[in-house]
C-alpha atoms as a PDB file:
ATOM      1  CA  MET A   1       0.000   0.000   0.000  1.00  0.00           C
ATOM      2  CA  GLU A   2       1.329   3.445  -0.875  1.00  0.00           C
ATOM      3  CA  ARG A   3       2.584   5.766   1.814  1.00  0.00           C
ATOM      4  CA  SER A   4      -0.044   8.392   0.949  1.00  0.00           C
ATOM      5  CA  VAL A   5      -2.813   5.848   1.572  1.00  0.00           C
ATOM      6  CA  LEU A   6      -1.263   4.819   4.875  1.00  0.00           C
ATOM      7  CA  ASN A   7      -0.955   8.451   5.906  1.00  0.00           C
ATOM      8  CA  ALA A   8      -4.610   9.096   5.032  1.00  0.00           C
ATOM      9  CA  LEU A   9      -5.683   6.106   7.111  1.00  0.00           C
ATOM     10  CA  LYS A  10      -3.576   7.231  10.072  1.00  0.00           C
ATOM     11  CA  ALA A  11      -4.811  10.819   9.774  1.00  0.00           C
ATOM     12  CA  SER A  12      -8.376   9.493   9.868  1.00  0.00           C
ATOM     13  CA  ASP A  13      -7.690   7.675  13.149  1.00  0.00           C
ATOM     14  CA  VAL A  14      -7.952   4.173  11.721  1.00  0.00           C
ATOM     15  CA  LYS A  15      -6.558   1.735  14.271  1.00  0.00           C
ATOM     16  CA  GLU A  16      -3.177   0.181  13.510  1.00  0.00           C
ATOM     17  CA  GLU A  17      -4.593  -3.370  13.485  1.00  0.00           C
ATOM     18  CA  ASP A  18      -7.247  -2.290  10.967  1.00  0.00           C
ATOM     19  CA  ILE A  19      -4.582  -0.689   8.786  1.00  0.00           C
ATOM     20  CA  LYS A  20      -2.634  -3.958   8.835  1.00  0.00           C
ATOM     21  CA  PHE A  21      -5.811  -5.852   7.922  1.00  0.00           C
ATOM     22  CA  LEU A  22      -6.359  -3.519   4.941  1.00  0.00           C
ATOM     23  CA  GLU A  23      -2.714  -3.877   3.892  1.00  0.00           C
ATOM     24  CA  GLN A  24      -3.128  -7.659   3.799  1.00  0.00           C
ATOM     25  CA  LYS A  25      -6.451  -7.410   1.983  1.00  0.00           C
ATOM     26  CA  PHE A  26      -5.000  -5.263  -0.806  1.00  0.00           C
ATOM     27  CA  LYS A  27      -1.497  -6.761  -0.886  1.00  0.00           C
ATOM     28  CA  GLY A  28      -0.493  -7.578  -4.456  1.00  0.00           C
ATOM     29  CA  LYS A  29      -3.707  -6.100  -5.848  1.00  0.00           C
ATOM     30  CA  PHE A  30      -4.491  -2.861  -7.576  1.00  0.00           C
ATOM     31  CA  PHE A  31      -5.593  -0.459  -4.839  1.00  0.00           C
ATOM     32  CA  ASN A  32      -9.205   0.539  -5.360  1.00  0.00           C
ATOM     33  CA  VAL A  33     -10.436   3.472  -3.276  1.00  0.00           C
ATOM     34  CA  GLU A  34     -14.078   2.381  -3.486  1.00  0.00           C
ATOM     35  CA  GLU A  35     -13.238  -1.108  -2.231  1.00  0.00           C
ATOM     36  CA  CYS A  36     -11.095   0.289   0.564  1.00  0.00           C
ATOM     37  CA  ASP A  37     -13.928   2.578   1.665  1.00  0.00           C
ATOM     38  CA  LYS A  38     -16.327  -0.391   1.661  1.00  0.00           C
ATOM     39  CA  GLU A  39     -13.935  -2.280   3.923  1.00  0.00           C
ATOM     40  CA  LEU A  40     -13.599   0.756   6.189  1.00  0.00           C
ATOM     41  CA  VAL A  41     -17.384   0.971   6.524  1.00  0.00           C
ATOM     42  CA  LYS A  42     -17.505  -2.754   7.383  1.00  0.00           C
ATOM     43  CA  LEU A  43     -14.936  -2.051  10.101  1.00  0.00           C
ATOM     44  CA  GLY A  44     -17.075   0.790  11.491  1.00  0.00           C
ATOM     45  CA  TYR A  45     -15.319   3.808   9.982  1.00  0.00           C
ATOM     46  CA  GLU A  46     -16.569   6.559   7.718  1.00  0.00           C
ATOM     47  CA  PRO A  47     -15.418   6.420   4.076  1.00  0.00           C
ATOM     48  CA  ILE A  48     -12.147   8.286   3.606  1.00  0.00           C
ATOM     49  CA  PHE A  49     -11.254   8.223  -0.060  1.00  0.00           C
ATOM     50  CA  VAL A  50     -14.516   8.748  -1.936  1.00  0.00           C
ATOM     51  CA  ILE A  51     -16.880  11.598  -1.143  1.00  0.00           C
ATOM     52  CA  ASP A  52     -20.398  11.536  -2.530  1.00  0.00           C
ATOM     53  CA  TYR A  53     -21.211  15.218  -2.947  1.00  0.00           C
ATOM     54  CA  ASP A  54     -24.764  14.382  -4.055  1.00  0.00           C
ATOM     55  CA  GLU A  55     -25.364  12.844  -0.652  1.00  0.00           C
ATOM     56  CA  ASP A  56     -24.018  15.888   1.173  1.00  0.00           C
ATOM     57  CA  ASP A  57     -26.741  18.480   1.620  1.00  0.00           C
ATOM     58  CA  TYR A  58     -24.325  21.149   2.838  1.00  0.00           C
ATOM     59  CA  TYR A  59     -23.973  22.692  -0.599  1.00  0.00           C
ATOM     60  CA  GLU A  60     -27.523  23.033  -1.829  1.00  0.00           C
ATOM     61  CA  ASP A  61     -27.404  24.972  -5.085  1.00  0.00           C
ATOM     62  CA  ASP A  62     -30.691  26.777  -4.506  1.00  0.00           C
ATOM     63  CA  GLU A  63     -29.528  27.991  -1.119  1.00  0.00           C
ATOM     64  CA  TYR A  64     -26.706  30.081  -2.565  1.00  0.00           C
ATOM     65  CA  ASP A  65     -28.336  31.381  -5.757  1.00  0.00           C
ATOM     66  CA  ASP A  66     -29.977  34.355  -4.040  1.00  0.00           C
ATOM     67  CA  GLU A  67     -26.762  35.592  -2.452  1.00  0.00           C
ATOM     68  CA  TYR A  68     -25.097  36.620  -5.692  1.00  0.00           C
ATOM     69  CA  GLU A  69     -26.111  39.191  -8.243  1.00  0.00           C
ATOM     70  CA  LYS A  70     -24.620  39.542 -11.666  1.00  0.00           C
ATOM     71  CA  ILE A  71     -22.379  42.579 -11.979  1.00  0.00           C
ATOM     72  CA  SER A  72     -21.760  44.076 -15.372  1.00  0.00           C
ATOM     73  CA  GLN A  73     -18.083  44.410 -16.199  1.00  0.00           C
ATOM     74  CA  LYS A  74     -18.786  46.687 -19.154  1.00  0.00           C
ATOM     75  CA  LYS A  75     -18.254  49.940 -17.210  1.00  0.00           C
ATOM     76  CA  TYR A  76     -14.676  48.879 -16.468  1.00  0.00           C
ATOM     77  CA  PHE A  77     -13.832  48.446 -20.141  1.00  0.00           C
ATOM     78  CA  ASP A  78     -15.432  51.556 -21.680  1.00  0.00           C
ATOM     79  CA  ASP A  79     -12.809  54.085 -22.761  1.00  0.00           C
END
């Protein structure tokens, strides 16, 4: 497993024994982030590598549409 993956697991407070389990599971295989996240969920952790932005309701498009108004740039370019 690559060092960046190990660092991400450690930074996400995955227990050392679970990291070793994941290393054995993916040893000699192509590392698949979706599969690793599935294993993490089975172990009781939140997914780390794949974020489903459609599932996250924090950034509702309609919520932010009213906050911005279109500003014409034309006045800055008239000479």
